[in-house]
């Protein structure tokens, strides 16, 4: 991997981290309680099953990658929300 690619990944990760921090700071309790709507959960499960069997179209693969990115950001926000609540409790 080139230095430019590595720098780009770090920059992107910092962007995700900063955004997750911002979201978590708005309302840690609400972030921790957040779950994707059932309709979205079922769609992701469907796409994952299709991916496992090699049946996804390029559009479905892109859609699945977007869901994974969103999930990553939500997990980051939840981790930061937990830190904020722990810090406030101390």
PDB file of N, CA and C in Angstrom:
ATOM      1  N   UNK A   1       0.848  -1.172   0.000  1.00  0.00           N
ATOM      2  CA  UNK A   1       0.000   0.000   0.000  1.00  0.00           C
ATOM      3  C   UNK A   1       0.896   1.239   0.000  1.00  0.00           C
ATOM      4  N   UNK A   2       0.583   2.201  -0.824  1.00  0.00           N
ATOM      5  CA  UNK A   2       1.408   3.397  -0.922  1.00  0.00           C
ATOM      6  C   UNK A   2       1.149   4.323   0.264  1.00  0.00           C
ATOM      7  N   UNK A   3       2.079   5.255   0.483  1.00  0.00           N
ATOM      8  CA  UNK A   3       1.928   6.227   1.569  1.00  0.00           C
ATOM      9  C   UNK A   3       0.662   7.054   1.358  1.00  0.00           C
ATOM     10  N   UNK A   4       0.378   7.402   0.102  1.00  0.00           N
ATOM     11  CA  UNK A   4      -0.816   8.197  -0.202  1.00  0.00           C
ATOM     12  C   UNK A   4      -2.089   7.441   0.181  1.00  0.00           C
ATOM     13  N   UNK A   5      -2.137   6.142  -0.120  1.00  0.00           N
ATOM     14  CA  UNK A   5      -3.308   5.336   0.248  1.00  0.00           C
ATOM     15  C   UNK A   5      -3.435   5.234   1.758  1.00  0.00           C
ATOM     16  N   UNK A   6      -2.310   5.019   2.440  1.00  0.00           N
ATOM     17  CA  UNK A   6      -2.318   4.922   3.900  1.00  0.00           C
ATOM     18  C   UNK A   6      -2.787   6.230   4.512  1.00  0.00           C
ATOM     19  N   UNK A   7      -2.268   7.354   4.021  1.00  0.00           N
ATOM     20  CA  UNK A   7      -2.684   8.665   4.523  1.00  0.00           C
ATOM     21  C   UNK A   7      -4.169   8.891   4.283  1.00  0.00           C
ATOM     22  N   UNK A   8      -4.648   8.470   3.119  1.00  0.00           N
ATOM     23  CA  UNK A   8      -6.067   8.617   2.808  1.00  0.00           C
ATOM     24  C   UNK A   8      -6.942   7.817   3.760  1.00  0.00           C
ATOM     25  N   UNK A   9      -6.510   6.604   4.082  1.00  0.00           N
ATOM     26  CA  UNK A   9      -7.275   5.774   5.022  1.00  0.00           C
ATOM     27  C   UNK A   9      -7.284   6.391   6.412  1.00  0.00           C
ATOM     28  N   UNK A  10      -6.122   6.912   6.839  1.00  0.00           N
ATOM     29  CA  UNK A  10      -6.061   7.562   8.155  1.00  0.00           C
ATOM     30  C   UNK A  10      -6.964   8.782   8.191  1.00  0.00           C
ATOM     31  N   UNK A  11      -6.952   9.580   7.120  1.00  0.00           N
ATOM     32  CA  UNK A  11      -7.790  10.766   7.055  1.00  0.00           C
ATOM     33  C   UNK A  11      -9.264  10.374   7.119  1.00  0.00           C
ATOM     34  N   UNK A  12      -9.635   9.351   6.375  1.00  0.00           N
ATOM     35  CA  UNK A  12     -11.016   8.878   6.396  1.00  0.00           C
ATOM     36  C   UNK A  12     -11.392   8.384   7.783  1.00  0.00           C
ATOM     37  N   UNK A  13     -10.502   7.634   8.420  1.00  0.00           N
ATOM     38  CA  UNK A  13     -10.785   7.123   9.766  1.00  0.00           C
ATOM     39  C   UNK A  13     -10.946   8.279  10.748  1.00  0.00           C
ATOM     40  N   UNK A  14     -10.121   9.309  10.629  1.00  0.00           N
ATOM     41  CA  UNK A  14     -10.264  10.479  11.501  1.00  0.00           C
ATOM     42  C   UNK A  14     -11.611  11.155  11.280  1.00  0.00           C
ATOM     43  N   UNK A  15     -12.036  11.219  10.033  1.00  0.00           N
ATOM     44  CA  UNK A  15     -13.336  11.803   9.730  1.00  0.00           C
ATOM     45  C   UNK A  15     -14.442  11.007  10.418  1.00  0.00           C
ATOM     46  N   UNK A  16     -14.394   9.694  10.309  1.00  0.00           N
ATOM     47  CA  UNK A  16     -15.397   8.849  10.959  1.00  0.00           C
ATOM     48  C   UNK A  16     -15.350   9.026  12.476  1.00  0.00           C
ATOM     49  N   UNK A  17     -14.146   9.047  13.034  1.00  0.00           N
ATOM     50  CA  UNK A  17     -13.991   9.225  14.478  1.00  0.00           C
ATOM     51  C   UNK A  17     -14.567  10.558  14.940  1.00  0.00           C
ATOM     52  N   UNK A  18     -14.235  11.628  14.218  1.00  0.00           N
ATOM     53  CA  UNK A  18     -14.742  12.951  14.589  1.00  0.00           C
ATOM     54  C   UNK A  18     -16.264  12.997  14.514  1.00  0.00           C
ATOM     55  N   UNK A  19     -16.822  12.413  13.463  1.00  0.00           N
ATOM     56  CA  UNK A  19     -18.276  12.419  13.306  1.00  0.00           C
ATOM     57  C   UNK A  19     -18.935  11.594  14.406  1.00  0.00           C
ATOM     58  N   UNK A  20     -18.363  10.452  14.721  1.00  0.00           N
ATOM     59  CA  UNK A  20     -18.901   9.605  15.791  1.00  0.00           C
ATOM     60  C   UNK A  20     -18.849  10.336  17.127  1.00  0.00           C
ATOM     61  N   UNK A  21     -17.764  11.046  17.373  1.00  0.00           N
ATOM     62  CA  UNK A  21     -17.624  11.829  18.604  1.00  0.00           C
ATOM     63  C   UNK A  21     -18.711  12.897  18.677  1.00  0.00           C
ATOM     64  N   UNK A  22     -18.941  13.567  17.568  1.00  0.00           N
ATOM     65  CA  UNK A  22     -19.978  14.596  17.506  1.00  0.00           C
ATOM     66  C   UNK A  22     -21.360  14.015  17.804  1.00  0.00           C
ATOM     67  N   UNK A  23     -21.675  12.916  17.145  1.00  0.00           N
ATOM     68  CA  UNK A  23     -22.979  12.281  17.337  1.00  0.00           C
ATOM     69  C   UNK A  23     -23.158  11.835  18.791  1.00  0.00           C
ATOM     70  N   UNK A  24     -22.152  11.193  19.328  1.00  0.00           N
ATOM     71  CA  UNK A  24     -22.228  10.681  20.697  1.00  0.00           C
ATOM     72  C   UNK A  24     -22.423  11.810  21.693  1.00  0.00           C
ATOM     73  N   UNK A  25     -21.834  12.958  21.419  1.00  0.00           N
ATOM     74  CA  UNK A  25     -21.955  14.093  22.326  1.00  0.00           C
ATOM     75  C   UNK A  25     -23.331  14.717  22.330  1.00  0.00           C
ATOM     76  N   UNK A  26     -24.111  14.505  21.297  1.00  0.00           N
ATOM     77  CA  UNK A  26     -25.445  15.088  21.234  1.00  0.00           C
ATOM     78  C   UNK A  26     -26.360  14.494  22.297  1.00  0.00           C
ATOM     79  N   UNK A  27     -26.362  13.194  22.407  1.00  0.00           N
ATOM     80  CA  UNK A  27     -27.171  12.506  23.411  1.00  0.00           C
ATOM     81  C   UNK A  27     -26.659  11.080  23.547  1.00  0.00           C
ATOM     82  N   UNK A  28     -25.707  10.865  24.449  1.00  0.00           N
ATOM     83  CA  UNK A  28     -25.147   9.520  24.595  1.00  0.00           C
ATOM     84  C   UNK A  28     -26.196   8.440  24.823  1.00  0.00           C
ATOM     85  N   UNK A  29     -27.203   8.755  25.612  1.00  0.00           N
ATOM     86  CA  UNK A  29     -28.242   7.763  25.911  1.00  0.00           C
ATOM     87  C   UNK A  29     -29.005   7.354  24.653  1.00  0.00           C
ATOM     88  N   UNK A  30     -29.323   8.344  23.817  1.00  0.00           N
ATOM     89  CA  UNK A  30     -30.060   8.043  22.585  1.00  0.00           C
ATOM     90  C   UNK A  30     -29.202   7.247  21.611  1.00  0.00           C
ATOM     91  N   UNK A  31     -27.928   7.575  21.539  1.00  0.00           N
ATOM     92  CA  UNK A  31     -27.030   6.830  20.650  1.00  0.00           C
ATOM     93  C   UNK A  31     -26.960   5.373  21.083  1.00  0.00           C
ATOM     94  N   UNK A  32     -26.820   5.144  22.384  1.00  0.00           N
ATOM     95  CA  UNK A  32     -26.723   3.771  22.886  1.00  0.00           C
ATOM     96  C   UNK A  32     -28.012   2.985  22.646  1.00  0.00           C
ATOM     97  N   UNK A  33     -29.127   3.670  22.629  1.00  0.00           N
ATOM     98  CA  UNK A  33     -30.419   2.999  22.425  1.00  0.00           C
ATOM     99  C   UNK A  33     -30.742   2.774  20.944  1.00  0.00           C
ATOM    100  N   UNK A  34     -29.966   3.385  20.051  1.00  0.00           N
ATOM    101  CA  UNK A  34     -30.278   3.310  18.620  1.00  0.00           C
ATOM    102  C   UNK A  34     -30.076   1.902  18.057  1.00  0.00           C
ATOM    103  N   UNK A  35     -31.034   1.488  17.270  1.00  0.00           N
ATOM    104  CA  UNK A  35     -30.945   0.261  16.473  1.00  0.00           C
ATOM    105  C   UNK A  35     -31.547   0.582  15.113  1.00  0.00           C
ATOM    106  N   UNK A  36     -30.971   0.028  14.075  1.00  0.00           N
ATOM    107  CA  UNK A  36     -31.528   0.234  12.742  1.00  0.00           C
ATOM    108  C   UNK A  36     -32.946  -0.319  12.693  1.00  0.00           C
ATOM    109  N   UNK A  37     -33.802   0.298  11.902  1.00  0.00           N
ATOM    110  CA  UNK A  37     -35.167  -0.215  11.761  1.00  0.00           C
ATOM    111  C   UNK A  37     -35.149  -1.676  11.287  1.00  0.00           C
ATOM    112  N   UNK A  38     -36.152  -2.418  11.699  1.00  0.00           N
ATOM    113  CA  UNK A  38     -36.234  -3.846  11.360  1.00  0.00           C
ATOM    114  C   UNK A  38     -36.174  -4.076   9.852  1.00  0.00           C
ATOM    115  N   UNK A  39     -36.803  -3.213   9.083  1.00  0.00           N
ATOM    116  CA  UNK A  39     -36.797  -3.343   7.621  1.00  0.00           C
ATOM    117  C   UNK A  39     -35.355  -3.304   7.094  1.00  0.00           C
ATOM    118  N   UNK A  40     -34.553  -2.412   7.635  1.00  0.00           N
ATOM    119  CA  UNK A  40     -33.149  -2.307   7.210  1.00  0.00           C
ATOM    120  C   UNK A  40     -32.374  -3.538   7.665  1.00  0.00           C
ATOM    121  N   UNK A  41     -32.599  -3.979   8.891  1.00  0.00           N
ATOM    122  CA  UNK A  41     -31.915  -5.171   9.400  1.00  0.00           C
ATOM    123  C   UNK A  41     -32.192  -6.378   8.511  1.00  0.00           C
ATOM    124  N   UNK A  42     -33.444  -6.536   8.118  1.00  0.00           N
ATOM    125  CA  UNK A  42     -33.807  -7.663   7.249  1.00  0.00           C
ATOM    126  C   UNK A  42     -33.147  -7.537   5.874  1.00  0.00           C
ATOM    127  N   UNK A  43     -33.076  -6.319   5.365  1.00  0.00           N
ATOM    128  CA  UNK A  43     -32.430  -6.111   4.064  1.00  0.00           C
ATOM    129  C   UNK A  43     -30.945  -6.473   4.137  1.00  0.00           C
ATOM    130  N   UNK A  44     -30.280  -6.049   5.205  1.00  0.00           N
ATOM    131  CA  UNK A  44     -28.856  -6.361   5.370  1.00  0.00           C
ATOM    132  C   UNK A  44     -28.666  -7.870   5.486  1.00  0.00           C
ATOM    133  N   UNK A  45     -29.501  -8.532   6.275  1.00  0.00           N
ATOM    134  CA  UNK A  45     -29.409  -9.994   6.401  1.00  0.00           C
ATOM    135  C   UNK A  45     -29.565 -10.670   5.044  1.00  0.00           C
ATOM    136  N   UNK A  46     -30.518 -10.197   4.258  1.00  0.00           N
ATOM    137  CA  UNK A  46     -30.753 -10.743   2.915  1.00  0.00           C
ATOM    138  C   UNK A  46     -29.515 -10.566   2.037  1.00  0.00           C
ATOM    139  N   UNK A  47     -28.952  -9.355   2.064  1.00  0.00           N
ATOM    140  CA  UNK A  47     -27.772  -9.086   1.241  1.00  0.00           C
ATOM    141  C   UNK A  47     -26.562  -9.894   1.698  1.00  0.00           C
ATOM    142  N   UNK A  48     -26.399 -10.065   3.000  1.00  0.00           N
ATOM    143  CA  UNK A  48     -25.282 -10.869   3.517  1.00  0.00           C
ATOM    144  C   UNK A  48     -25.413 -12.313   3.045  1.00  0.00           C
ATOM    145  N   UNK A  49     -26.614 -12.851   3.109  1.00  0.00           N
ATOM    146  CA  UNK A  49     -26.825 -14.224   2.636  1.00  0.00           C
ATOM    147  C   UNK A  49     -26.522 -14.349   1.149  1.00  0.00           C
ATOM    148  N   UNK A  50     -26.951 -13.379   0.367  1.00  0.00           N
ATOM    149  CA  UNK A  50     -26.655 -13.401  -1.073  1.00  0.00           C
ATOM    150  C   UNK A  50     -25.156 -13.290  -1.323  1.00  0.00           C
ATOM    151  N   UNK A  51     -24.473 -12.483  -0.532  1.00  0.00           N
ATOM    152  CA  UNK A  51     -23.018 -12.323  -0.685  1.00  0.00           C
ATOM    153  C   UNK A  51     -22.307 -13.636  -0.361  1.00  0.00           C
ATOM    154  N   UNK A  52     -22.762 -14.329   0.688  1.00  0.00           N
ATOM    155  CA  UNK A  52     -22.152 -15.609   1.068  1.00  0.00           C
ATOM    156  C   UNK A  52     -22.233 -16.634  -0.059  1.00  0.00           C
ATOM    157  N   UNK A  53     -23.297 -16.582  -0.821  1.00  0.00           N
ATOM    158  CA  UNK A  53     -23.478 -17.544  -1.907  1.00  0.00           C
ATOM    159  C   UNK A  53     -22.991 -17.005  -3.254  1.00  0.00           C
ATOM    160  N   UNK A  54     -22.430 -15.796  -3.232  1.00  0.00           N
ATOM    161  CA  UNK A  54     -21.888 -15.217  -4.459  1.00  0.00           C
ATOM    162  C   UNK A  54     -22.937 -14.739  -5.438  1.00  0.00           C
ATOM    163  N   UNK A  55     -24.119 -14.413  -4.946  1.00  0.00           N
ATOM    164  CA  UNK A  55     -25.228 -14.047  -5.826  1.00  0.00           C
ATOM    165  C   UNK A  55     -25.505 -12.550  -5.890  1.00  0.00           C
ATOM    166  N   UNK A  56     -24.705 -11.724  -5.199  1.00  0.00           N
ATOM    167  CA  UNK A  56     -25.007 -10.293  -5.197  1.00  0.00           C
ATOM    168  C   UNK A  56     -24.640  -9.643  -6.521  1.00  0.00           C
ATOM    169  N   UNK A  57     -25.445  -8.693  -6.900  1.00  0.00           N
ATOM    170  CA  UNK A  57     -25.137  -7.872  -8.069  1.00  0.00           C
ATOM    171  C   UNK A  57     -24.153  -6.791  -7.617  1.00  0.00           C
ATOM    172  N   UNK A  58     -23.496  -6.127  -8.548  1.00  0.00           N
ATOM    173  CA  UNK A  58     -22.612  -5.024  -8.149  1.00  0.00           C
ATOM    174  C   UNK A  58     -23.350  -3.944  -7.342  1.00  0.00           C
ATOM    175  N   UNK A  59     -24.578  -3.653  -7.704  1.00  0.00           N
ATOM    176  CA  UNK A  59     -25.360  -2.646  -6.973  1.00  0.00           C
ATOM    177  C   UNK A  59     -25.646  -3.116  -5.545  1.00  0.00           C
ATOM    178  N   UNK A  60     -25.956  -4.400  -5.388  1.00  0.00           N
ATOM    179  CA  UNK A  60     -26.211  -4.935  -4.049  1.00  0.00           C
ATOM    180  C   UNK A  60     -24.945  -4.929  -3.200  1.00  0.00           C
ATOM    181  N   UNK A  61     -23.815  -5.210  -3.820  1.00  0.00           N
ATOM    182  CA  UNK A  61     -22.543  -5.175  -3.101  1.00  0.00           C
ATOM    183  C   UNK A  61     -22.249  -3.764  -2.614  1.00  0.00           C
ATOM    184  N   UNK A  62     -22.482  -2.772  -3.448  1.00  0.00           N
ATOM    185  CA  UNK A  62     -22.288  -1.376  -3.044  1.00  0.00           C
ATOM    186  C   UNK A  62     -23.244  -1.003  -1.920  1.00  0.00           C
ATOM    187  N   UNK A  63     -24.481  -1.436  -2.043  1.00  0.00           N
ATOM    188  CA  UNK A  63     -25.473  -1.156  -0.995  1.00  0.00           C
ATOM    189  C   UNK A  63     -25.025  -1.758   0.333  1.00  0.00           C
ATOM    190  N   UNK A  64     -24.555  -2.986   0.300  1.00  0.00           N
ATOM    191  CA  UNK A  64     -24.105  -3.670   1.508  1.00  0.00           C
ATOM    192  C   UNK A  64     -22.902  -2.948   2.121  1.00  0.00           C
ATOM    193  N   UNK A  65     -21.981  -2.501   1.285  1.00  0.00           N
ATOM    194  CA  UNK A  65     -20.822  -1.761   1.782  1.00  0.00           C
ATOM    195  C   UNK A  65     -21.238  -0.477   2.478  1.00  0.00           C
ATOM    196  N   UNK A  66     -22.271   0.187   1.965  1.00  0.00           N
ATOM    197  CA  UNK A  66     -22.778   1.412   2.605  1.00  0.00           C
ATOM    198  C   UNK A  66     -23.379   1.094   3.968  1.00  0.00           C
ATOM    199  N   UNK A  67     -24.107  -0.009   4.062  1.00  0.00           N
ATOM    200  CA  UNK A  67     -24.658  -0.401   5.364  1.00  0.00           C
ATOM    201  C   UNK A  67     -23.542  -0.706   6.355  1.00  0.00           C
ATOM    202  N   UNK A  68     -22.485  -1.384   5.882  1.00  0.00           N
ATOM    203  CA  UNK A  68     -21.352  -1.700   6.762  1.00  0.00           C
ATOM    204  C   UNK A  68     -20.650  -0.428   7.226  1.00  0.00           C
ATOM    205  N   UNK A  69     -20.508   0.540   6.347  1.00  0.00           N
ATOM    206  CA  UNK A  69     -19.893   1.806   6.730  1.00  0.00           C
ATOM    207  C   UNK A  69     -20.747   2.510   7.779  1.00  0.00           C
ATOM    208  N   UNK A  70     -22.040   2.550   7.559  1.00  0.00           N
ATOM    209  CA  UNK A  70     -22.943   3.172   8.524  1.00  0.00           C
ATOM    210  C   UNK A  70     -22.843   2.457   9.870  1.00  0.00           C
ATOM    211  N   UNK A  71     -22.826   1.137   9.856  1.00  0.00           N
ATOM    212  CA  UNK A  71     -22.713   0.365  11.094  1.00  0.00           C
ATOM    213  C   UNK A  71     -21.406   0.702  11.815  1.00  0.00           C
ATOM    214  N   UNK A  72     -20.331   0.854  11.063  1.00  0.00           N
ATOM    215  CA  UNK A  72     -19.045   1.203  11.652  1.00  0.00           C
ATOM    216  C   UNK A  72     -19.124   2.548  12.380  1.00  0.00           C
ATOM    217  N   UNK A  73     -19.743   3.531  11.743  1.00  0.00           N
ATOM    218  CA  UNK A  73     -19.874   4.859  12.354  1.00  0.00           C
ATOM    219  C   UNK A  73     -20.742   4.790  13.598  1.00  0.00           C
ATOM    220  N   UNK A  74     -21.823   4.033  13.544  1.00  0.00           N
ATOM    221  CA  UNK A  74     -22.694   3.897  14.716  1.00  0.00           C
ATOM    222  C   UNK A  74     -21.938   3.227  15.858  1.00  0.00           C
ATOM    223  N   UNK A  75     -21.157   2.206  15.566  1.00  0.00           N
ATOM    224  CA  UNK A  75     -20.368   1.541  16.618  1.00  0.00           C
ATOM    225  C   UNK A  75     -19.362   2.502  17.240  1.00  0.00           C
ATOM    226  N   UNK A  76     -18.714   3.304  16.414  1.00  0.00           N
ATOM    227  CA  UNK A  76     -17.784   4.303  16.943  1.00  0.00           C
ATOM    228  C   UNK A  76     -18.516   5.281  17.863  1.00  0.00           C
ATOM    229  N   UNK A  77     -19.683   5.734  17.416  1.00  0.00           N
ATOM    230  CA  UNK A  77     -20.461   6.684  18.217  1.00  0.00           C
ATOM    231  C   UNK A  77     -20.900   6.053  19.537  1.00  0.00           C
ATOM    232  N   UNK A  78     -21.301   4.798  19.501  1.00  0.00           N
ATOM    233  CA  UNK A  78     -21.717   4.123  20.733  1.00  0.00           C
ATOM    234  C   UNK A  78     -20.539   3.957  21.694  1.00  0.00           C
ATOM    235  N   UNK A  79     -19.370   3.643  21.156  1.00  0.00           N
ATOM    236  CA  UNK A  79     -18.188   3.516  22.015  1.00  0.00           C
ATOM    237  C   UNK A  79     -17.878   4.847  22.684  1.00  0.00           C
ATOM    238  N   UNK A  80     -17.973   5.926  21.937  1.00  0.00           N
ATOM    239  CA  UNK A  80     -17.714   7.240  22.515  1.00  0.00           C
ATOM    240  C   UNK A  80     -18.796   7.658  23.490  1.00  0.00           C
ATOM    241  N   UNK A  81     -20.026   7.281  23.200  1.00  0.00           N
ATOM    242  CA  UNK A  81     -21.117   7.586  24.127  1.00  0.00           C
ATOM    243  C   UNK A  81     -20.886   6.896  25.466  1.00  0.00           C
ATOM    244  N   UNK A  82     -20.429   5.652  25.424  1.00  0.00           N
ATOM    245  CA  UNK A  82     -20.121   4.946  26.668  1.00  0.00           C
ATOM    246  C   UNK A  82     -19.015   5.659  27.447  1.00  0.00           C
ATOM    247  N   UNK A  83     -17.999   6.126  26.747  1.00  0.00           N
ATOM    248  CA  UNK A  83     -16.908   6.861  27.408  1.00  0.00           C
ATOM    249  C   UNK A  83     -17.421   8.138  28.035  1.00  0.00           C
ATOM    250  N   UNK A  84     -18.276   8.864  27.308  1.00  0.00           N
ATOM    251  CA  UNK A  84     -18.821  10.117  27.829  1.00  0.00           C
ATOM    252  C   UNK A  84     -19.652   9.878  29.088  1.00  0.00           C
ATOM    253  N   UNK A  85     -20.468   8.835  29.065  1.00  0.00           N
ATOM    254  CA  UNK A  85     -21.292   8.525  30.240  1.00  0.00           C
ATOM    255  C   UNK A  85     -20.435   8.087  31.416  1.00  0.00           C
ATOM    256  N   UNK A  86     -19.407   7.300  31.149  1.00  0.00           N
ATOM    257  CA  UNK A  86     -18.503   6.859  32.226  1.00  0.00           C
ATOM    258  C   UNK A  86     -17.775   8.058  32.832  1.00  0.00           C
ATOM    259  N   UNK A  87     -17.357   8.962  31.960  1.00  0.00           N
ATOM    260  CA  UNK A  87     -16.644  10.161  32.432  1.00  0.00           C
ATOM    261  C   UNK A  87     -17.577  11.039  33.270  1.00  0.00           C
ATOM    262  N   UNK A  88     -18.821  11.182  32.845  1.00  0.00           N
ATOM    263  CA  UNK A  88     -19.793  11.996  33.570  1.00  0.00           C
ATOM    264  C   UNK A  88     -20.148  11.362  34.919  1.00  0.00           C
ATOM    265  N   UNK A  89     -20.100  10.042  34.985  1.00  0.00           N
ATOM    266  CA  UNK A  89     -20.444   9.344  36.230  1.00  0.00           C
ATOM    267  C   UNK A  89     -19.306   9.412  37.258  1.00  0.00           C
ATOM    268  N   UNK A  90     -18.078   9.715  36.798  1.00  0.00           N
ATOM    269  CA  UNK A  90     -16.941   9.736  37.731  1.00  0.00           C
ATOM    270  C   UNK A  90     -16.863  11.020  38.502  1.00  0.00           C
TER     271      UNK A  90
END
